[in-house]
N, C-alpha and C. Protein backbone atom coordinates (compact mmCIF):
# COMPACT_ATOMS: atom_id res chain seq x y z
N UNK A 1 -23.70 13.96 -26.93
CA UNK A 1 -24.81 14.37 -25.92
C UNK A 1 -23.93 13.57 -24.72
N UNK A 2 -24.24 14.24 -23.49
CA UNK A 2 -23.58 14.12 -22.40
C UNK A 2 -24.16 12.80 -21.65
N UNK A 3 -23.84 11.74 -21.14
CA UNK A 3 -24.52 10.78 -20.71
C UNK A 3 -25.34 11.29 -18.99
N UNK A 4 -26.14 10.99 -18.86
CA UNK A 4 -26.86 11.32 -17.41
C UNK A 4 -26.21 10.51 -16.35
N UNK A 5 -25.78 11.12 -15.43
CA UNK A 5 -25.24 10.26 -14.23
C UNK A 5 -25.76 8.83 -13.84
N UNK A 6 -24.87 7.59 -13.88
CA UNK A 6 -25.37 6.63 -13.69
C UNK A 6 -24.58 5.63 -12.79
N UNK A 7 -25.13 4.40 -12.35
CA UNK A 7 -24.16 3.29 -11.73
C UNK A 7 -23.02 3.27 -12.47
N UNK A 8 -22.77 3.43 -13.85
CA UNK A 8 -21.61 3.43 -14.75
C UNK A 8 -21.01 4.10 -14.12
N UNK A 9 -21.06 5.03 -13.62
CA UNK A 9 -19.66 6.10 -13.27
C UNK A 9 -19.00 5.43 -12.11
N UNK A 10 -19.58 4.51 -11.17
CA UNK A 10 -18.74 3.96 -10.36
C UNK A 10 -17.89 2.97 -11.13
N UNK A 11 -17.80 2.58 -12.16
CA UNK A 11 -16.99 1.77 -12.87
C UNK A 11 -16.25 2.46 -14.04
N UNK A 12 -16.33 3.76 -13.81
CA UNK A 12 -15.57 4.69 -14.70
C UNK A 12 -16.18 4.66 -16.14
N UNK A 13 -17.31 4.23 -16.52
CA UNK A 13 -18.05 3.88 -17.87
C UNK A 13 -17.97 5.09 -18.42
N UNK A 14 -18.17 6.24 -18.01
CA UNK A 14 -18.45 7.40 -18.85
C UNK A 14 -17.34 8.42 -19.12
N UNK A 15 -16.08 7.94 -18.42
CA UNK A 15 -15.10 8.94 -18.12
C UNK A 15 -14.09 8.84 -19.48
N UNK A 16 -13.49 9.50 -19.93
CA UNK A 16 -12.43 9.41 -21.11
C UNK A 16 -11.16 8.63 -20.69
N UNK A 17 -10.34 8.16 -21.33
CA UNK A 17 -9.32 7.13 -20.80
C UNK A 17 -8.06 7.93 -20.14
N UNK A 18 -7.94 9.42 -20.25
CA UNK A 18 -6.94 10.07 -19.71
C UNK A 18 -7.56 10.40 -18.00
N UNK A 19 -8.76 10.58 -18.15
CA UNK A 19 -9.42 10.72 -16.66
C UNK A 19 -9.45 9.45 -15.82
N UNK A 20 -9.76 8.21 -16.66
CA UNK A 20 -9.71 6.95 -16.24
C UNK A 20 -8.57 6.63 -15.68
N UNK A 21 -7.51 6.65 -16.31
CA UNK A 21 -6.33 6.29 -15.68
C UNK A 21 -5.75 7.38 -14.54
N UNK A 22 -6.00 8.46 -14.84
CA UNK A 22 -5.70 9.40 -13.77
C UNK A 22 -6.42 8.83 -12.32
N UNK A 23 -7.56 8.53 -12.41
CA UNK A 23 -8.26 8.25 -10.99
C UNK A 23 -7.54 6.79 -10.59
N UNK A 24 -7.30 6.02 -11.63
CA UNK A 24 -6.82 4.53 -11.22
C UNK A 24 -5.36 4.52 -10.73
N UNK A 25 -4.75 5.29 -11.33
CA UNK A 25 -3.25 5.46 -10.74
C UNK A 25 -3.17 6.42 -9.38
N UNK A 26 -3.83 7.21 -9.34
CA UNK A 26 -3.95 8.28 -8.35
C UNK A 26 -4.06 7.43 -7.06
N UNK A 27 -5.33 7.09 -7.28
CA UNK A 27 -6.04 6.19 -6.29
C UNK A 27 -5.45 5.08 -5.52
N UNK A 28 -4.67 4.45 -6.63
CA UNK A 28 -3.66 3.35 -5.98
C UNK A 28 -2.48 3.60 -5.29
N UNK A 29 -1.93 4.84 -5.60
CA UNK A 29 -0.94 5.50 -5.10
C UNK A 29 -1.20 5.75 -3.53
N UNK A 30 -2.47 6.57 -3.41
CA UNK A 30 -2.89 6.97 -2.17
C UNK A 30 -3.58 5.90 -1.24
N UNK A 31 -3.72 4.68 -1.84
CA UNK A 31 -4.01 3.50 -1.24
C UNK A 31 -2.77 3.25 -0.31
N UNK A 32 -1.79 3.53 -1.11
CA UNK A 32 -0.25 2.95 -0.24
C UNK A 32 -0.35 3.90 0.93
N UNK A 33 -0.52 5.08 0.52
CA UNK A 33 -0.34 5.93 1.67
C UNK A 33 -1.39 5.58 3.00
N UNK A 34 -2.66 5.16 2.46
CA UNK A 34 -3.59 4.83 3.59
C UNK A 34 -3.01 3.80 4.35
N UNK A 35 -2.29 2.55 4.02
CA UNK A 35 -1.75 1.72 4.57
C UNK A 35 -0.93 2.26 5.71
N UNK A 36 -0.30 2.99 5.52
CA UNK A 36 0.69 3.46 6.70
C UNK A 36 0.05 4.72 7.49
N UNK A 37 -0.81 5.03 7.27
CA UNK A 37 -1.65 6.43 7.77
C UNK A 37 -1.77 5.74 9.77
N UNK A 38 -2.71 4.60 9.76
CA UNK A 38 -3.01 4.27 10.99
C UNK A 38 -1.70 3.73 11.83
N UNK A 39 -0.78 3.29 11.15
CA UNK A 39 0.45 3.04 12.05
C UNK A 39 1.52 3.78 12.34
N UNK A 40 1.49 4.96 11.43
CA UNK A 40 2.80 5.94 11.37
C UNK A 40 3.49 6.26 12.77
N UNK A 41 2.53 6.76 13.48
CA UNK A 41 2.91 7.37 14.75
C UNK A 41 3.55 6.30 15.78
N UNK A 42 2.83 5.01 15.78
CA UNK A 42 3.41 3.91 16.42
C UNK A 42 4.69 3.44 15.92
N UNK A 43 4.62 3.44 14.68
CA UNK A 43 6.07 2.77 14.07
C UNK A 43 7.21 3.92 14.30
N UNK A 44 7.02 5.20 14.28
CA UNK A 44 7.82 6.05 14.50
C UNK A 44 8.65 5.99 16.15
N UNK A 45 7.48 5.90 16.96
CA UNK A 45 7.68 6.04 18.47
C UNK A 45 8.67 5.01 18.75
N UNK A 46 8.48 3.74 17.96
CA UNK A 46 9.44 2.67 18.39
C UNK A 46 10.41 2.48 17.39
N UNK A 47 10.67 2.96 16.22
CA UNK A 47 11.92 2.94 15.41
C UNK A 47 12.94 4.16 15.73
N UNK A 48 12.43 5.27 15.95
CA UNK A 48 13.11 6.31 16.09
C UNK A 48 13.73 6.68 17.72
N UNK A 49 14.96 6.76 17.84
CA UNK A 49 15.49 6.92 19.07
C UNK A 49 14.86 8.28 19.97
N UNK A 50 14.20 8.30 20.85
CA UNK A 50 13.76 9.59 21.54
C UNK A 50 12.35 10.07 21.15
N UNK A 51 11.99 9.30 20.21
CA UNK A 51 10.70 9.59 19.54
C UNK A 51 9.36 9.58 20.62
N UNK A 52 8.63 10.64 20.48
CA UNK A 52 7.39 10.45 21.15
C UNK A 52 6.38 11.21 20.27
N UNK A 53 5.16 11.65 20.95
CA UNK A 53 4.19 12.37 20.38
C UNK A 53 4.59 13.50 19.74
N UNK A 54 5.68 14.15 20.49
CA UNK A 54 5.73 15.65 19.86
C UNK A 54 6.58 15.49 18.51
N UNK A 55 7.58 14.55 18.46
CA UNK A 55 8.42 13.98 17.34
C UNK A 55 7.33 13.84 16.16
N UNK A 56 6.11 12.89 16.40
CA UNK A 56 5.52 12.65 15.52
C UNK A 56 4.62 13.83 14.97
N UNK A 57 4.16 14.89 15.71
CA UNK A 57 3.66 15.93 15.68
C UNK A 57 4.44 16.65 14.58
N UNK A 58 5.73 17.06 15.07
CA UNK A 58 6.58 18.20 14.27
C UNK A 58 6.81 17.47 12.93
N UNK A 59 6.75 15.93 12.91
CA UNK A 59 7.23 15.44 11.57
C UNK A 59 6.19 15.69 10.69
N UNK A 60 5.07 15.29 11.33
CA UNK A 60 3.74 15.73 10.30
C UNK A 60 3.51 16.82 9.93
N UNK A 61 4.06 17.91 10.76
CA UNK A 61 3.68 19.39 10.24
C UNK A 61 4.71 19.93 9.37
N UNK A 62 6.09 18.94 9.47
CA UNK A 62 7.16 19.48 8.56
C UNK A 62 6.87 19.07 7.12
N UNK A 63 6.09 18.13 7.06
CA UNK A 63 5.69 17.44 5.72
C UNK A 63 4.57 18.26 5.23
N UNK A 64 3.86 18.76 5.84
CA UNK A 64 2.47 19.54 5.64
C UNK A 64 2.70 21.20 5.06
N UNK A 65 3.76 21.51 5.85
CA UNK A 65 4.25 22.83 5.63
C UNK A 65 4.97 22.99 4.34
N UNK A 66 5.85 21.97 4.44
CA UNK A 66 6.76 21.72 2.94
C UNK A 66 6.19 21.78 1.84
N UNK A 67 4.70 20.80 2.11
CA UNK A 67 4.20 20.45 0.80
C UNK A 67 3.53 22.06 0.40
N UNK A 68 2.85 22.59 1.27
CA UNK A 68 1.99 23.71 1.03
C UNK A 68 3.10 24.94 0.58
N UNK A 69 4.20 24.97 1.14
CA UNK A 69 5.04 26.18 0.76
C UNK A 69 5.64 25.95 -0.80
N UNK A 70 5.78 24.55 -1.11
CA UNK A 70 6.57 24.35 -2.53
C UNK A 70 5.47 24.41 -3.44
N UNK A 71 4.13 24.20 -3.13
CA UNK A 71 3.04 23.71 -4.19
C UNK A 71 2.76 24.77 -5.01
N UNK A 72 2.85 26.14 -4.35
CA UNK A 72 2.35 27.26 -5.16
C UNK A 72 3.56 27.70 -6.22
N UNK A 73 4.93 27.46 -5.86
CA UNK A 73 5.84 27.63 -6.83
C UNK A 73 5.89 26.62 -7.79
N UNK A 74 5.81 25.55 -7.62
CA UNK A 74 5.64 24.06 -8.30
C UNK A 74 4.63 24.34 -9.18
N UNK A 75 3.46 24.87 -8.95
CA UNK A 75 2.31 25.20 -9.97
C UNK A 75 2.69 26.36 -10.75
N UNK A 76 3.28 27.26 -10.34
CA UNK A 76 3.52 28.29 -11.02
C UNK A 76 4.64 27.76 -12.27
N UNK A 77 5.53 26.76 -11.68
CA UNK A 77 6.31 26.29 -12.97
C UNK A 77 5.59 25.48 -14.00
N UNK A 78 4.69 24.72 -13.56
CA UNK A 78 3.94 23.73 -14.27
C UNK A 78 3.15 24.68 -15.50
N UNK A 79 2.68 25.85 -15.01
CA UNK A 79 1.99 26.54 -15.76
C UNK A 79 2.69 27.43 -16.77
N UNK A 80 3.99 27.49 -16.50
CA UNK A 80 4.86 28.39 -17.14
C UNK A 80 5.13 27.79 -18.35
N UNK A 81 5.45 26.29 -18.18
CA UNK A 81 5.72 25.47 -19.35
C UNK A 81 4.55 25.02 -20.19
N UNK A 82 4.23 25.35 -21.25
CA UNK A 82 2.91 25.16 -21.91
C UNK A 82 3.32 23.85 -22.66
N UNK A 83 2.19 23.11 -22.26
CA UNK A 83 2.08 21.79 -23.00
C UNK A 83 1.66 20.64 -21.93
N UNK A 84 1.07 19.60 -22.56
CA UNK A 84 0.55 18.58 -21.46
C UNK A 84 1.72 17.53 -21.11
N UNK A 85 2.97 17.60 -21.64
CA UNK A 85 3.86 16.75 -21.54
C UNK A 85 4.34 17.06 -20.29
N UNK A 86 4.57 18.19 -19.97
CA UNK A 86 5.18 18.68 -18.60
C UNK A 86 4.53 18.23 -17.57
N UNK A 87 3.27 18.70 -17.65
CA UNK A 87 2.18 18.12 -16.59
C UNK A 87 2.35 16.54 -16.26
N UNK A 88 2.33 15.92 -17.31
CA UNK A 88 2.58 14.49 -16.98
C UNK A 88 3.66 13.97 -16.37
N UNK A 89 5.07 14.69 -16.93
CA UNK A 89 6.34 14.22 -16.26
C UNK A 89 6.46 14.73 -14.86
N UNK A 90 5.96 16.02 -14.66
CA UNK A 90 6.09 16.48 -13.16
C UNK A 90 5.33 15.62 -12.35
N UNK A 91 3.95 14.91 -12.81
CA UNK A 91 3.29 14.19 -12.12
C UNK A 91 3.51 12.83 -11.71
N UNK A 92 3.98 12.36 -12.98
CA UNK A 92 4.69 10.69 -13.01
C UNK A 92 5.79 10.78 -12.33
N UNK A 93 6.78 11.69 -12.04
CA UNK A 93 7.96 11.44 -11.62
C UNK A 93 8.05 12.00 -10.04
N UNK A 94 6.95 13.04 -9.73
CA UNK A 94 7.00 13.30 -8.33
C UNK A 94 6.24 11.99 -7.60
N UNK A 95 5.42 11.18 -8.22
CA UNK A 95 4.64 10.31 -7.64
C UNK A 95 5.63 8.91 -7.48
N UNK A 96 6.40 8.60 -8.43
CA UNK A 96 7.36 7.64 -8.56
C UNK A 96 8.31 7.74 -7.46
N UNK A 97 9.10 8.85 -7.48
CA UNK A 97 10.04 9.19 -6.21
C UNK A 97 9.55 9.09 -4.91
N UNK A 98 8.24 9.74 -4.87
CA UNK A 98 7.52 9.57 -3.55
C UNK A 98 7.28 8.41 -2.86
N UNK A 99 7.00 7.47 -4.04
CA UNK A 99 6.34 6.01 -3.67
C UNK A 99 7.76 5.44 -3.18
N UNK A 100 9.04 5.77 -3.38
CA UNK A 100 10.08 5.19 -2.70
C UNK A 100 10.53 5.62 -1.33
N UNK A 101 10.12 6.94 -1.37
CA UNK A 101 10.68 7.66 0.26
C UNK A 101 10.36 6.79 1.21
N UNK A 102 9.13 6.19 1.34
CA UNK A 102 8.90 5.35 2.66
C UNK A 102 9.98 4.28 2.91
N UNK A 103 10.95 3.93 2.18
CA UNK A 103 11.99 2.93 2.44
C UNK A 103 12.97 3.39 3.57
N UNK A 104 12.83 4.85 3.34
CA UNK A 104 14.02 5.64 4.32
C UNK A 104 13.46 5.60 5.65
N UNK A 105 12.18 4.90 6.04
CA UNK A 105 11.77 5.07 7.33
C UNK A 105 12.24 3.97 7.82
N UNK A 106 12.75 2.69 7.22
CA UNK A 106 13.18 1.31 7.56
C UNK A 106 14.60 1.90 8.16
N UNK A 107 15.42 2.90 7.66
CA UNK A 107 16.86 3.07 7.93
C UNK A 107 17.05 4.38 9.08
N UNK A 108 16.13 5.24 9.14
CA UNK A 108 16.38 6.25 10.06
C UNK A 108 16.37 5.78 11.65
N UNK A 109 16.91 6.66 12.40
CA UNK A 109 17.00 6.30 13.57
C UNK A 109 16.61 7.58 14.82
N UNK A 110 16.91 8.71 13.73
CA UNK A 110 16.65 9.88 15.03
C UNK A 110 16.02 11.09 14.53
N UNK A 111 15.61 11.61 15.47
CA UNK A 111 14.34 12.80 14.67
C UNK A 111 14.84 13.71 13.74
N UNK A 112 15.92 13.66 13.87
CA UNK A 112 16.44 14.87 12.66
C UNK A 112 16.50 14.41 11.23
N UNK A 113 16.82 12.87 11.27
CA UNK A 113 16.77 12.06 10.14
C UNK A 113 15.27 11.98 9.51
N UNK A 114 14.31 11.82 10.47
CA UNK A 114 12.85 11.88 10.25
C UNK A 114 12.49 13.19 9.82
N UNK A 115 12.79 14.08 10.18
CA UNK A 115 12.52 15.52 9.76
C UNK A 115 12.93 15.78 8.28
N UNK A 116 14.05 15.22 8.04
CA UNK A 116 14.71 15.55 6.64
C UNK A 116 13.97 14.67 5.72
N UNK A 117 13.47 13.24 5.93
CA UNK A 117 12.63 12.55 5.35
C UNK A 117 11.42 13.08 5.22
N UNK A 118 10.46 13.66 6.02
CA UNK A 118 9.28 14.24 5.93
C UNK A 118 9.50 15.69 4.86
N UNK A 119 10.60 16.32 4.88
CA UNK A 119 10.70 17.53 4.15
C UNK A 119 10.94 17.16 2.68
N UNK A 120 11.63 16.06 2.45
CA UNK A 120 11.65 15.46 0.99
C UNK A 120 10.46 15.09 0.47
N UNK A 121 9.67 14.27 1.22
CA UNK A 121 8.44 13.64 1.10
C UNK A 121 7.49 14.98 0.78
N UNK A 122 7.47 15.83 1.58
CA UNK A 122 6.35 16.90 1.31
C UNK A 122 6.78 17.55 -0.15
N UNK A 123 8.33 17.97 -0.54
CA UNK A 123 8.65 18.72 -1.29
C UNK A 123 8.38 17.99 -2.65
N UNK A 124 8.48 16.66 -2.59
CA UNK A 124 8.03 15.76 -3.94
C UNK A 124 6.74 15.96 -4.28
N UNK A 125 5.67 15.61 -3.14
CA UNK A 125 4.31 15.52 -3.40
C UNK A 125 3.87 16.86 -3.84
N UNK A 126 4.61 18.08 -3.30
CA UNK A 126 4.06 19.31 -3.79
C UNK A 126 4.09 19.59 -5.38
N UNK A 127 4.82 18.84 -6.46
CA UNK A 127 4.59 18.85 -7.47
C UNK A 127 3.67 17.97 -8.28
N UNK A 128 3.19 16.81 -7.33
CA UNK A 128 2.09 16.23 -7.96
C UNK A 128 0.84 16.79 -7.89
N UNK A 129 0.29 17.68 -6.70
CA UNK A 129 -0.83 18.19 -6.88
C UNK A 129 -1.16 19.07 -8.02
N UNK A 130 -0.27 20.02 -8.27
CA UNK A 130 -0.87 21.03 -9.37
C UNK A 130 -0.69 20.25 -11.01
N UNK A 131 0.32 19.39 -10.74
CA UNK A 131 0.15 18.74 -12.30
C UNK A 131 -1.09 17.81 -12.64
N UNK A 132 -1.39 17.03 -11.45
CA UNK A 132 -2.60 16.02 -11.53
C UNK A 132 -3.64 16.87 -11.81
N UNK A 133 -3.83 17.98 -10.92
CA UNK A 133 -5.04 18.68 -11.18
C UNK A 133 -5.19 19.40 -12.46
N UNK A 134 -3.78 19.97 -13.01
CA UNK A 134 -3.90 20.66 -14.17
C UNK A 134 -4.33 19.52 -15.62
N UNK A 135 -4.08 18.37 -15.32
CA UNK A 135 -4.31 17.51 -16.28
C UNK A 135 -5.78 17.01 -16.32
N UNK A 136 -6.31 16.83 -15.06
CA UNK A 136 -7.49 16.33 -14.60
C UNK A 136 -8.51 17.35 -15.12
N UNK A 137 -8.10 18.60 -15.08
CA UNK A 137 -9.05 19.86 -15.19
C UNK A 137 -9.39 19.89 -16.78
N UNK A 138 -8.00 19.65 -17.51
CA UNK A 138 -8.44 19.89 -18.91
C UNK A 138 -9.04 18.75 -19.57
N UNK A 139 -9.15 17.53 -19.08
CA UNK A 139 -9.53 16.27 -19.76
C UNK A 139 -10.74 15.82 -19.36
N UNK A 140 -11.48 16.62 -18.25
CA UNK A 140 -12.76 16.50 -18.22
C UNK A 140 -13.92 16.70 -19.14
N UNK A 141 -14.91 15.69 -19.39
CA UNK A 141 -15.64 16.04 -20.51
C UNK A 141 -16.71 17.22 -20.06
N UNK A 142 -17.06 17.87 -20.86
CA UNK A 142 -17.52 19.21 -20.78
C UNK A 142 -18.93 19.05 -20.05
N UNK A 143 -19.22 19.72 -19.02
CA UNK A 143 -20.73 19.44 -18.60
C UNK A 143 -20.75 18.37 -17.33
N UNK A 144 -19.57 17.65 -17.24
CA UNK A 144 -19.49 16.57 -16.33
C UNK A 144 -18.34 16.83 -15.14
N UNK A 145 -17.93 18.01 -14.92
CA UNK A 145 -17.02 18.44 -14.03
C UNK A 145 -17.34 18.15 -12.75
N UNK A 146 -18.33 18.27 -12.12
CA UNK A 146 -18.78 17.98 -10.69
C UNK A 146 -18.84 16.44 -10.66
N UNK A 147 -19.23 15.73 -11.54
CA UNK A 147 -19.43 14.36 -11.49
C UNK A 147 -17.94 13.52 -11.50
N UNK A 148 -17.20 14.13 -12.47
CA UNK A 148 -15.81 13.39 -12.49
C UNK A 148 -14.98 13.72 -11.21
N UNK A 149 -15.14 14.96 -10.67
CA UNK A 149 -14.22 15.46 -9.52
C UNK A 149 -14.70 14.35 -8.20
N UNK A 150 -16.36 14.06 -8.29
CA UNK A 150 -16.82 13.41 -7.09
C UNK A 150 -16.58 12.03 -7.38
N UNK A 151 -16.55 11.34 -8.47
CA UNK A 151 -15.99 10.04 -8.72
C UNK A 151 -14.81 10.04 -8.09
N UNK A 152 -13.76 10.80 -8.48
CA UNK A 152 -12.33 10.56 -8.00
C UNK A 152 -12.37 10.73 -6.61
N UNK A 153 -12.85 11.61 -6.21
CA UNK A 153 -12.88 11.87 -4.39
C UNK A 153 -13.58 10.79 -3.82
N UNK A 154 -14.71 10.05 -4.28
CA UNK A 154 -15.34 8.85 -3.94
C UNK A 154 -14.17 7.86 -3.82
N UNK A 155 -13.71 7.43 -4.81
CA UNK A 155 -12.78 6.47 -5.02
C UNK A 155 -11.70 6.82 -4.12
N UNK A 156 -11.14 7.75 -3.97
CA UNK A 156 -10.02 7.98 -3.22
C UNK A 156 -10.38 7.61 -1.64
N UNK A 157 -11.35 8.29 -1.31
CA UNK A 157 -12.09 8.22 0.17
C UNK A 157 -12.22 6.52 0.45
N UNK A 158 -12.82 5.97 -0.66
CA UNK A 158 -13.29 4.66 -0.34
C UNK A 158 -11.90 3.59 -0.27
N UNK A 159 -10.95 4.10 -1.14
CA UNK A 159 -9.98 3.15 -1.00
C UNK A 159 -8.89 3.70 0.01
N UNK A 160 -8.74 4.66 0.51
CA UNK A 160 -7.82 4.87 1.81
C UNK A 160 -8.29 4.53 3.05
N UNK A 161 -10.06 4.33 3.11
CA UNK A 161 -10.56 3.83 4.01
C UNK A 161 -10.29 2.33 4.20
N UNK A 162 -10.50 1.61 3.16
CA UNK A 162 -10.03 0.25 3.07
C UNK A 162 -8.65 -0.03 3.40
N UNK A 163 -7.74 0.64 2.88
CA UNK A 163 -6.18 0.70 3.11
C UNK A 163 -5.82 0.85 4.59
N UNK A 164 -6.51 1.62 4.95
CA UNK A 164 -6.29 2.03 6.65
C UNK A 164 -6.63 0.95 7.44
N UNK A 165 -7.82 0.37 7.15
CA UNK A 165 -8.20 -0.96 8.01
C UNK A 165 -6.87 -2.00 7.79
N UNK A 166 -6.67 -2.20 6.24
CA UNK A 166 -6.01 -3.49 5.91
C UNK A 166 -4.54 -3.15 6.78
N UNK A 167 -3.87 -1.95 6.66
CA UNK A 167 -2.61 -1.48 7.26
C UNK A 167 -2.52 -1.86 8.67
N UNK A 168 -3.66 -1.61 9.47
CA UNK A 168 -3.51 -1.89 10.90
C UNK A 168 -3.41 -3.39 11.24
N UNK A 169 -4.16 -4.16 10.47
CA UNK A 169 -4.44 -5.67 10.48
C UNK A 169 -3.17 -6.20 10.12
N UNK A 170 -2.35 -5.72 8.92
CA UNK A 170 -1.26 -6.06 8.40
C UNK A 170 -0.08 -5.86 9.26
N UNK A 171 0.00 -4.71 9.61
CA UNK A 171 0.93 -4.66 11.00
C UNK A 171 0.87 -5.47 12.02
N UNK A 172 -0.35 -5.67 12.59
CA UNK A 172 -0.47 -6.63 13.75
C UNK A 172 0.19 -8.11 13.51
N UNK A 173 -0.19 -8.65 12.38
CA UNK A 173 0.47 -10.05 11.81
C UNK A 173 1.61 -9.84 11.26
N UNK A 174 1.96 -8.93 10.33
CA UNK A 174 3.14 -9.36 9.81
C UNK A 174 4.42 -8.39 10.29
N UNK A 175 3.92 -7.24 10.79
CA UNK A 175 5.09 -6.21 11.26
C UNK A 175 5.13 -5.09 10.47
N UNK A 176 5.72 -4.13 10.92
CA UNK A 176 5.75 -2.67 10.07
C UNK A 176 6.66 -2.67 9.07
N UNK A 177 7.77 -3.59 9.02
CA UNK A 177 8.60 -3.37 7.98
C UNK A 177 7.81 -4.04 6.69
N UNK A 178 6.86 -5.25 6.84
CA UNK A 178 6.26 -5.67 5.81
C UNK A 178 5.06 -4.81 5.12
N UNK A 179 4.55 -4.09 6.12
CA UNK A 179 3.68 -3.07 5.82
C UNK A 179 4.35 -1.71 4.79
N UNK A 180 5.50 -1.49 5.27
CA UNK A 180 6.27 -0.24 4.51
C UNK A 180 6.74 -0.82 3.41
N UNK A 181 7.12 -2.02 2.96
CA UNK A 181 7.45 -2.70 1.63
C UNK A 181 6.38 -2.74 0.98
N UNK A 182 4.91 -3.01 1.50
CA UNK A 182 3.89 -3.16 0.74
C UNK A 182 3.62 -1.84 0.18
N UNK A 183 3.82 -0.57 1.13
CA UNK A 183 3.44 0.76 0.79
C UNK A 183 4.13 1.20 -0.49
N UNK A 184 5.50 0.85 -0.43
CA UNK A 184 6.37 1.00 -1.45
C UNK A 184 5.88 0.27 -2.90
N UNK A 185 5.70 -0.89 -2.96
CA UNK A 185 5.32 -1.71 -4.10
C UNK A 185 4.20 -0.89 -4.72
N UNK A 186 3.06 -0.77 -3.70
CA UNK A 186 1.82 -0.27 -3.95
C UNK A 186 1.86 0.94 -4.71
N UNK A 187 2.77 1.91 -4.02
CA UNK A 187 2.86 3.27 -4.55
C UNK A 187 3.69 3.31 -5.92
N UNK A 188 4.65 2.32 -6.30
CA UNK A 188 5.32 2.35 -7.32
C UNK A 188 4.23 2.01 -8.58
N UNK A 189 3.38 0.98 -7.98
CA UNK A 189 2.28 0.44 -9.16
C UNK A 189 1.42 1.36 -9.57
N UNK A 190 1.18 2.40 -8.40
CA UNK A 190 0.19 3.32 -8.76
C UNK A 190 0.50 4.54 -9.73
N UNK A 191 1.75 4.83 -9.65
CA UNK A 191 2.60 5.60 -10.39
C UNK A 191 2.81 5.11 -11.90
N UNK A 192 3.08 3.82 -11.98
CA UNK A 192 3.30 3.34 -13.17
C UNK A 192 1.99 2.81 -13.98
N UNK A 193 0.70 3.13 -13.32
CA UNK A 193 -0.51 3.11 -13.90
C UNK A 193 -0.91 4.36 -14.55
N UNK A 194 -0.31 5.35 -14.65
CA UNK A 194 -0.25 6.56 -15.01
C UNK A 194 0.35 6.59 -16.55
N UNK A 195 1.25 5.74 -16.75
CA UNK A 195 2.00 5.75 -17.76
C UNK A 195 1.05 5.53 -19.20
N UNK A 196 -0.10 4.93 -19.15
CA UNK A 196 -0.99 4.61 -20.49
C UNK A 196 -1.37 5.96 -20.93
N UNK A 197 -1.29 7.30 -19.99
CA UNK A 197 -1.95 8.62 -20.23
C UNK A 197 -0.90 9.33 -21.26
N UNK A 198 0.27 8.74 -21.36
CA UNK A 198 1.28 9.65 -22.13
C UNK A 198 0.88 9.57 -23.60
N UNK A 199 0.31 8.39 -23.95
CA UNK A 199 -0.02 8.29 -25.42
C UNK A 199 -1.09 8.78 -25.79
N UNK A 200 -2.06 9.27 -24.85
CA UNK A 200 -3.43 9.87 -25.08
C UNK A 200 -3.40 11.48 -24.94
N UNK A 201 -2.13 12.12 -24.64
CA UNK A 201 -2.32 13.51 -24.19
C UNK A 201 -2.24 14.26 -25.51
N UNK A 202 -2.90 15.37 -25.82
CA UNK A 202 -2.66 16.23 -26.60
C UNK A 202 -1.45 17.13 -26.51
N UNK A 203 -0.31 16.49 -26.96
CA UNK A 203 1.09 16.87 -27.00
C UNK A 203 1.10 18.35 -27.62
N UNK A 204 1.68 19.30 -26.69
CA UNK A 204 2.32 20.59 -27.34
C UNK A 204 3.79 20.41 -27.24
N UNK A 205 4.34 21.28 -28.20
CA UNK A 205 5.49 21.75 -27.84
C UNK A 205 5.84 22.61 -26.73
N UNK A 206 6.65 22.02 -25.72
CA UNK A 206 6.77 23.13 -24.52
C UNK A 206 7.38 24.21 -24.93
N UNK A 207 7.26 25.40 -24.26
CA UNK A 207 7.71 26.77 -24.35
C UNK A 207 7.69 27.35 -23.19
N UNK A 208 8.98 27.97 -22.53
CA UNK A 208 9.03 28.74 -21.35
C UNK A 208 8.82 30.12 -21.32
């Protein structure tokens, strides 16, 4: 019997373990992204030689365009290799590597270097979205699809909102470098929180 929606949903009470860890890991990772969001433009303008609003805009566009263009080929690759194991590894490795990318912001000094970092960041995260959505869709409890997706989105929005506020305050008190290091640590933690999923997957032999 499918439990009726209740306050327990906000504590992931009625979700299966795979969905629960998918939400916890992904939300933690994007909390790290939320820390950086409110200060990104200011940090780039202060750290990259000759950077202004136009450089920040181009950098953001490069990230979004790269992620968009790579995402469909990445999804086709994920679909082509049959089995949940490949979905997990694409998701896990793309998040883990993406979590480390913000360290590059501490050593770049030119717009071209920034654009390259944004390209790499976008390409890596392009593999996360289809693999995450594939696993999430496969393991949702039947007839609770809308509830499961809503719980995920609610947690994600609330965590990123809180992280944005914390990131702005932290940058004021501790500086940009401390915030970026925090982003990396939390991002890596988020990716590692996905590891418990591995033992709970319906593992199939991959076939191409």
